[in-house]
Amino acid sequence: MTNNRPLDQMLITDPKLIIAASSWMASSLSSPPGPSRGVYMSTSYHKAVNPKSLMEVVDGSSAVIKRWIEEHPETKISHLVCTGSSGQSVAWPVSYKLGIPVCVVRKEGEKAHSGMLVGEGRLQNYILIDDFIASGDTIRRVFGTIAEEAASYGNTPPECRAIFLYGSDSGRKYFNPANAADLDHGVPLIHNNFVPGY
């Protein structure tokens, strides 16, 4: 029997496929690996790699970011900025939905055919998309890389107008890169408030 629905709808809505995939995963994880080909993977950002959950994250992220931009027109957002594979898995589809270009900040030592900043257009005011804040080192690295790139051309660094955390719904309102303990000043945080149990 041929199924004419698009693949993304089949992955998300077909109960038989979901049940079959769940059964296969359970049997695969419960039995010891044999001489078959492959490698087991783990991730701390399961919502960003599971197709159904990713669509929930993207739809919710797009709605929250769009609302924030509409409420803050003075920010004149030129780009969404991300780093790492989990950030890119959310940033690219959100970019497509909102029509805002992406700038990817590469990690030091990462092999690439381009510079540390990958994207199109002139990066000016941006929203940084990340999963959550632990120590703040990732965010400081992104800010530092962007500032260094701007300085290398003699330009003023672009400004991060907000940080969107798709894996966090904490009540924290700001991130101060100079002092992570300062909860009352810094870059505004926009939290995930649409996917329970991330």
C-alpha atoms as a PDB file:
ATOM      1  CA  MET A   1       0.000   0.000   0.000  1.00  0.00           C
ATOM      2  CA  THR A   2       1.398   3.394  -0.993  1.00  0.00           C
ATOM      3  CA  ASN A   3       1.287   6.278   1.454  1.00  0.00           C
ATOM      4  CA  ASN A   4       1.181   9.622  -0.369  1.00  0.00           C
ATOM      5  CA  ARG A   5       1.626  11.804   2.691  1.00  0.00           C
ATOM      6  CA  PRO A   6       4.837  13.829   3.051  1.00  0.00           C
ATOM      7  CA  LEU A   7       7.559  12.139   5.097  1.00  0.00           C
ATOM      8  CA  ASP A   8       7.426  14.695   7.932  1.00  0.00           C
ATOM      9  CA  GLN A   9       3.709  14.017   8.439  1.00  0.00           C
ATOM     10  CA  MET A  10       4.308  10.275   8.424  1.00  0.00           C
ATOM     11  CA  LEU A  11       7.015  10.600  11.063  1.00  0.00           C
ATOM     12  CA  ILE A  12       4.842  12.694  13.316  1.00  0.00           C
ATOM     13  CA  THR A  13       1.274  11.502  12.877  1.00  0.00           C
ATOM     14  CA  ASP A  14       1.312   7.858  11.835  1.00  0.00           C
ATOM     15  CA  PRO A  15       0.623   5.895  15.074  1.00  0.00           C
ATOM     16  CA  LYS A  16       1.700   2.584  13.518  1.00  0.00           C
ATOM     17  CA  LEU A  17       5.071   4.062  12.589  1.00  0.00           C
ATOM     18  CA  ILE A  18       5.547   5.565  16.067  1.00  0.00           C
ATOM     19  CA  ILE A  19       4.670   2.253  17.749  1.00  0.00           C
ATOM     20  CA  ALA A  20       6.941   0.298  15.394  1.00  0.00           C
ATOM     21  CA  ALA A  21       9.835   2.717  15.936  1.00  0.00           C
ATOM     22  CA  SER A  22       9.345   2.639  19.714  1.00  0.00           C
ATOM     23  CA  SER A  23       9.321  -1.171  19.740  1.00  0.00           C
ATOM     24  CA  TRP A  24      12.428  -1.319  17.581  1.00  0.00           C
ATOM     25  CA  MET A  25      14.264   1.175  19.810  1.00  0.00           C
ATOM     26  CA  ALA A  26      13.293  -0.724  22.959  1.00  0.00           C
ATOM     27  CA  SER A  27      14.483  -4.035  21.536  1.00  0.00           C
ATOM     28  CA  SER A  28      17.668  -2.443  20.172  1.00  0.00           C
ATOM     29  CA  LEU A  29      18.586  -0.890  23.502  1.00  0.00           C
ATOM     30  CA  SER A  30      17.694  -3.919  25.615  1.00  0.00           C
ATOM     31  CA  SER A  31      19.694  -6.453  23.616  1.00  0.00           C
ATOM     32  CA  PRO A  32      23.487  -6.358  23.577  1.00  0.00           C
ATOM     33  CA  PRO A  33      24.983  -5.150  20.305  1.00  0.00           C
ATOM     34  CA  GLY A  34      26.011  -7.981  18.029  1.00  0.00           C
ATOM     35  CA  PRO A  35      28.373  -7.950  15.089  1.00  0.00           C
ATOM     36  CA  SER A  36      26.070  -5.618  13.121  1.00  0.00           C
ATOM     37  CA  ARG A  37      27.193  -2.296  11.695  1.00  0.00           C
ATOM     38  CA  GLY A  38      26.574   0.921  13.594  1.00  0.00           C
ATOM     39  CA  VAL A  39      27.254   2.802  16.759  1.00  0.00           C
ATOM     40  CA  TYR A  40      25.038   3.762  19.703  1.00  0.00           C
ATOM     41  CA  MET A  41      24.584   7.487  20.263  1.00  0.00           C
ATOM     42  CA  SER A  42      23.464   9.548  23.219  1.00  0.00           C
ATOM     43  CA  THR A  43      22.538  13.170  23.526  1.00  0.00           C
ATOM     44  CA  SER A  44      21.638  15.646  26.222  1.00  0.00           C
ATOM     45  CA  TYR A  45      19.435  17.620  23.826  1.00  0.00           C
ATOM     46  CA  HIS A  46      16.975  14.912  22.762  1.00  0.00           C
ATOM     47  CA  LYS A  47      14.253  17.411  21.826  1.00  0.00           C
ATOM     48  CA  ALA A  48      16.514  18.917  19.182  1.00  0.00           C
ATOM     49  CA  VAL A  49      17.268  15.631  17.441  1.00  0.00           C
ATOM     50  CA  ASN A  50      13.940  13.789  17.684  1.00  0.00           C
ATOM     51  CA  PRO A  51      11.907  14.843  14.579  1.00  0.00           C
ATOM     52  CA  LYS A  52       8.552  15.182  16.359  1.00  0.00           C
ATOM     53  CA  SER A  53       9.994  17.059  19.326  1.00  0.00           C
ATOM     54  CA  LEU A  54      12.166  19.210  17.059  1.00  0.00           C
ATOM     55  CA  MET A  55       9.075  20.448  15.224  1.00  0.00           C
ATOM     56  CA  GLU A  56       7.475  21.339  18.583  1.00  0.00           C
ATOM     57  CA  VAL A  57      10.631  23.212  19.622  1.00  0.00           C
ATOM     58  CA  VAL A  58      10.865  25.019  16.255  1.00  0.00           C
ATOM     59  CA  ASP A  59       7.186  26.027  16.184  1.00  0.00           C
ATOM     60  CA  GLY A  60       7.272  27.202  19.786  1.00  0.00           C
ATOM     61  CA  SER A  61      10.633  28.953  19.411  1.00  0.00           C
ATOM     62  CA  SER A  62       9.469  30.750  16.274  1.00  0.00           C
ATOM     63  CA  ALA A  63       6.310  31.983  17.994  1.00  0.00           C
ATOM     64  CA  VAL A  64       8.124  33.208  21.114  1.00  0.00           C
ATOM     65  CA  ILE A  65      10.961  34.909  19.189  1.00  0.00           C
ATOM     66  CA  LYS A  66       8.523  36.538  16.741  1.00  0.00           C
ATOM     67  CA  ARG A  67       6.435  37.910  19.622  1.00  0.00           C
ATOM     68  CA  TRP A  68       9.552  39.237  21.388  1.00  0.00           C
ATOM     69  CA  ILE A  69      10.757  40.998  18.209  1.00  0.00           C
ATOM     70  CA  GLU A  70       7.303  42.543  17.678  1.00  0.00           C
ATOM     71  CA  GLU A  71       7.331  43.786  21.291  1.00  0.00           C
ATOM     72  CA  HIS A  72      10.862  45.223  20.860  1.00  0.00           C
ATOM     73  CA  PRO A  73      10.968  46.795  17.366  1.00  0.00           C
ATOM     74  CA  GLU A  74      13.813  49.084  18.432  1.00  0.00           C
ATOM     75  CA  THR A  75      16.161  46.071  18.519  1.00  0.00           C
ATOM     76  CA  LYS A  76      16.180  45.823  14.690  1.00  0.00           C
ATOM     77  CA  ILE A  77      17.268  42.156  14.696  1.00  0.00           C
ATOM     78  CA  SER A  78      19.430  41.331  11.664  1.00  0.00           C
ATOM     79  CA  HIS A  79      20.345  37.709  12.494  1.00  0.00           C
ATOM     80  CA  LEU A  80      19.821  34.675  14.675  1.00  0.00           C
ATOM     81  CA  VAL A  81      23.177  33.479  16.027  1.00  0.00           C
ATOM     82  CA  CYS A  82      23.953  29.930  17.126  1.00  0.00           C
ATOM     83  CA  THR A  83      26.852  27.607  17.786  1.00  0.00           C
ATOM     84  CA  GLY A  84      27.258  23.841  17.879  1.00  0.00           C
ATOM     85  CA  SER A  85      25.035  21.162  16.387  1.00  0.00           C
ATOM     86  CA  SER A  86      22.163  21.500  18.860  1.00  0.00           C
ATOM     87  CA  GLY A  87      21.928  25.261  18.338  1.00  0.00           C
ATOM     88  CA  GLN A  88      21.995  24.845  14.565  1.00  0.00           C
ATOM     89  CA  SER A  89      19.301  22.168  14.621  1.00  0.00           C
ATOM     90  CA  VAL A  90      16.904  24.759  16.062  1.00  0.00           C
ATOM     91  CA  ALA A  91      18.253  27.984  14.519  1.00  0.00           C
ATOM     92  CA  TRP A  92      18.052  26.975  10.848  1.00  0.00           C
ATOM     93  CA  PRO A  93      14.370  25.958  10.802  1.00  0.00           C
ATOM     94  CA  VAL A  94      13.434  28.955  13.002  1.00  0.00           C
ATOM     95  CA  SER A  95      15.318  31.161  10.541  1.00  0.00           C
ATOM     96  CA  TYR A  96      13.285  29.699   7.692  1.00  0.00           C
ATOM     97  CA  LYS A  97       9.987  30.270   9.506  1.00  0.00           C
ATOM     98  CA  LEU A  98      10.805  33.860  10.525  1.00  0.00           C
ATOM     99  CA  GLY A  99      12.749  34.933   7.442  1.00  0.00           C
ATOM    100  CA  ILE A 100      15.734  36.034   9.560  1.00  0.00           C
ATOM    101  CA  PRO A 101      19.220  34.902   8.440  1.00  0.00           C
ATOM    102  CA  VAL A 102      21.448  32.706  10.611  1.00  0.00           C
ATOM    103  CA  CYS A 103      25.044  33.326  11.638  1.00  0.00           C
ATOM    104  CA  VAL A 104      26.878  30.257  12.933  1.00  0.00           C
ATOM    105  CA  VAL A 105      29.798  30.920  15.280  1.00  0.00           C
ATOM    106  CA  ARG A 106      32.317  28.120  14.868  1.00  0.00           C
ATOM    107  CA  LYS A 107      34.309  26.685  17.730  1.00  0.00           C
ATOM    108  CA  GLU A 108      38.066  27.268  17.865  1.00  0.00           C
ATOM    109  CA  GLY A 109      39.868  24.477  16.056  1.00  0.00           C
ATOM    110  CA  GLU A 110      36.755  23.292  14.238  1.00  0.00           C
ATOM    111  CA  LYS A 111      37.649  22.240  10.697  1.00  0.00           C
ATOM    112  CA  ALA A 112      35.854  24.390   8.134  1.00  0.00           C
ATOM    113  CA  HIS A 113      36.200  25.897   4.694  1.00  0.00           C
ATOM    114  CA  SER A 114      35.265  29.332   6.010  1.00  0.00           C
ATOM    115  CA  GLY A 115      35.990  31.729   8.857  1.00  0.00           C
ATOM    116  CA  MET A 116      34.769  31.695  12.441  1.00  0.00           C
ATOM    117  CA  LEU A 117      31.464  33.339  11.462  1.00  0.00           C
ATOM    118  CA  VAL A 118      29.364  31.646   8.795  1.00  0.00           C
ATOM    119  CA  GLY A 119      26.329  33.354   7.299  1.00  0.00           C
ATOM    120  CA  GLU A 120      25.158  35.995   4.871  1.00  0.00           C
ATOM    121  CA  GLY A 121      24.698  39.734   5.124  1.00  0.00           C
ATOM    122  CA  ARG A 122      26.000  42.144   7.742  1.00  0.00           C
ATOM    123  CA  LEU A 123      25.668  40.944  11.333  1.00  0.00           C
ATOM    124  CA  GLN A 124      24.453  43.884  13.428  1.00  0.00           C
ATOM    125  CA  ASN A 125      21.838  43.188  16.107  1.00  0.00           C
ATOM    126  CA  TYR A 126      21.158  39.560  16.893  1.00  0.00           C
ATOM    127  CA  ILE A 127      19.382  37.036  19.080  1.00  0.00           C
ATOM    128  CA  LEU A 128      21.595  34.206  20.307  1.00  0.00           C
ATOM    129  CA  ILE A 129      19.837  30.815  20.294  1.00  0.00           C
ATOM    130  CA  ASP A 130      21.110  28.236  22.795  1.00  0.00           C
ATOM    131  CA  ASP A 131      19.660  25.409  24.858  1.00  0.00           C
ATOM    132  CA  PHE A 132      20.463  26.547  28.417  1.00  0.00           C
ATOM    133  CA  ILE A 133      23.041  28.431  30.476  1.00  0.00           C
ATOM    134  CA  ALA A 134      25.286  26.402  32.749  1.00  0.00           C
ATOM    135  CA  SER A 135      28.522  28.307  33.448  1.00  0.00           C
ATOM    136  CA  GLY A 136      27.985  30.873  30.693  1.00  0.00           C
ATOM    137  CA  ASP A 137      31.237  29.911  28.946  1.00  0.00           C
ATOM    138  CA  THR A 138      29.552  29.150  25.605  1.00  0.00           C
ATOM    139  CA  ILE A 139      27.822  32.523  25.521  1.00  0.00           C
ATOM    140  CA  ARG A 140      31.016  34.378  26.472  1.00  0.00           C
ATOM    141  CA  ARG A 141      32.893  32.474  23.732  1.00  0.00           C
ATOM    142  CA  VAL A 142      30.283  33.464  21.136  1.00  0.00           C
ATOM    143  CA  PHE A 143      30.384  37.116  22.226  1.00  0.00           C
ATOM    144  CA  GLY A 144      34.193  37.080  22.203  1.00  0.00           C
ATOM    145  CA  THR A 145      34.465  35.497  18.749  1.00  0.00           C
ATOM    146  CA  ILE A 146      32.021  38.007  17.243  1.00  0.00           C
ATOM    147  CA  ALA A 147      33.851  40.928  18.899  1.00  0.00           C
ATOM    148  CA  GLU A 148      37.241  39.669  17.640  1.00  0.00           C
ATOM    149  CA  GLU A 149      35.932  39.271  14.085  1.00  0.00           C
ATOM    150  CA  ALA A 150      34.477  42.788  14.137  1.00  0.00           C
ATOM    151  CA  ALA A 151      37.700  44.251  15.574  1.00  0.00           C
ATOM    152  CA  SER A 152      39.754  42.548  12.857  1.00  0.00           C
ATOM    153  CA  TYR A 153      37.905  44.769  10.341  1.00  0.00           C
ATOM    154  CA  GLY A 154      38.049  47.849  12.564  1.00  0.00           C
ATOM    155  CA  ASN A 155      34.296  47.697  13.232  1.00  0.00           C
ATOM    156  CA  THR A 156      32.223  48.095  16.364  1.00  0.00           C
ATOM    157  CA  PRO A 157      31.011  44.676  17.555  1.00  0.00           C
ATOM    158  CA  PRO A 158      27.420  43.711  16.700  1.00  0.00           C
ATOM    159  CA  GLU A 159      25.081  43.734  19.695  1.00  0.00           C
ATOM    160  CA  CYS A 160      23.340  40.728  21.185  1.00  0.00           C
ATOM    161  CA  ARG A 161      19.861  42.080  21.939  1.00  0.00           C
ATOM    162  CA  ALA A 162      18.541  38.892  23.591  1.00  0.00           C
ATOM    163  CA  ILE A 163      19.410  35.263  24.318  1.00  0.00           C
ATOM    164  CA  PHE A 164      16.730  32.690  23.532  1.00  0.00           C
ATOM    165  CA  LEU A 165      16.991  29.477  25.580  1.00  0.00           C
ATOM    166  CA  TYR A 166      14.954  26.685  24.019  1.00  0.00           C
ATOM    167  CA  GLY A 167      15.889  24.185  26.731  1.00  0.00           C
ATOM    168  CA  SER A 168      15.162  26.335  29.757  1.00  0.00           C
ATOM    169  CA  ASP A 169      12.116  27.856  31.371  1.00  0.00           C
ATOM    170  CA  SER A 170      13.780  29.221  34.503  1.00  0.00           C
ATOM    171  CA  GLY A 171      12.700  32.569  35.873  1.00  0.00           C
ATOM    172  CA  ARG A 172      16.079  34.219  35.296  1.00  0.00           C
ATOM    173  CA  LYS A 173      15.650  37.433  33.266  1.00  0.00           C
ATOM    174  CA  TYR A 174      19.193  38.520  32.356  1.00  0.00           C
ATOM    175  CA  PHE A 175      22.647  37.143  31.652  1.00  0.00           C
ATOM    176  CA  ASN A 176      25.583  39.362  32.538  1.00  0.00           C
ATOM    177  CA  PRO A 177      28.673  38.050  30.674  1.00  0.00           C
ATOM    178  CA  ALA A 178      30.995  39.931  33.034  1.00  0.00           C
ATOM    179  CA  ASN A 179      29.348  38.544  36.179  1.00  0.00           C
ATOM    180  CA  ALA A 180      27.198  35.398  35.877  1.00  0.00           C
ATOM    181  CA  ALA A 181      26.013  35.848  39.480  1.00  0.00           C
ATOM    182  CA  ASP A 182      24.382  39.195  38.592  1.00  0.00           C
ATOM    183  CA  LEU A 183      20.753  38.307  37.890  1.00  0.00           C
ATOM    184  CA  ASP A 184      19.451  41.869  37.467  1.00  0.00           C
ATOM    185  CA  HIS A 185      21.533  43.276  34.595  1.00  0.00           C
ATOM    186  CA  GLY A 186      22.843  42.211  31.231  1.00  0.00           C
ATOM    187  CA  VAL A 187      21.393  40.698  28.075  1.00  0.00           C
ATOM    188  CA  PRO A 188      17.661  39.849  28.309  1.00  0.00           C
ATOM    189  CA  LEU A 189      16.824  36.141  28.377  1.00  0.00           C
ATOM    190  CA  ILE A 190      13.843  34.747  26.481  1.00  0.00           C
ATOM    191  CA  HIS A 191      12.871  31.341  27.840  1.00  0.00           C
ATOM    192  CA  ASN A 192      11.272  28.268  26.372  1.00  0.00           C
ATOM    193  CA  ASN A 193       7.768  28.147  27.814  1.00  0.00           C
ATOM    194  CA  PHE A 194       6.058  25.935  25.281  1.00  0.00           C
ATOM    195  CA  VAL A 195       7.483  22.408  25.474  1.00  0.00           C
ATOM    196  CA  PRO A 196       6.876  20.874  28.902  1.00  0.00           C
ATOM    197  CA  GLY A 197       9.473  18.456  30.191  1.00  0.00           C
ATOM    198  CA  TYR A 198      12.311  19.523  27.853  1.00  0.00           C
END
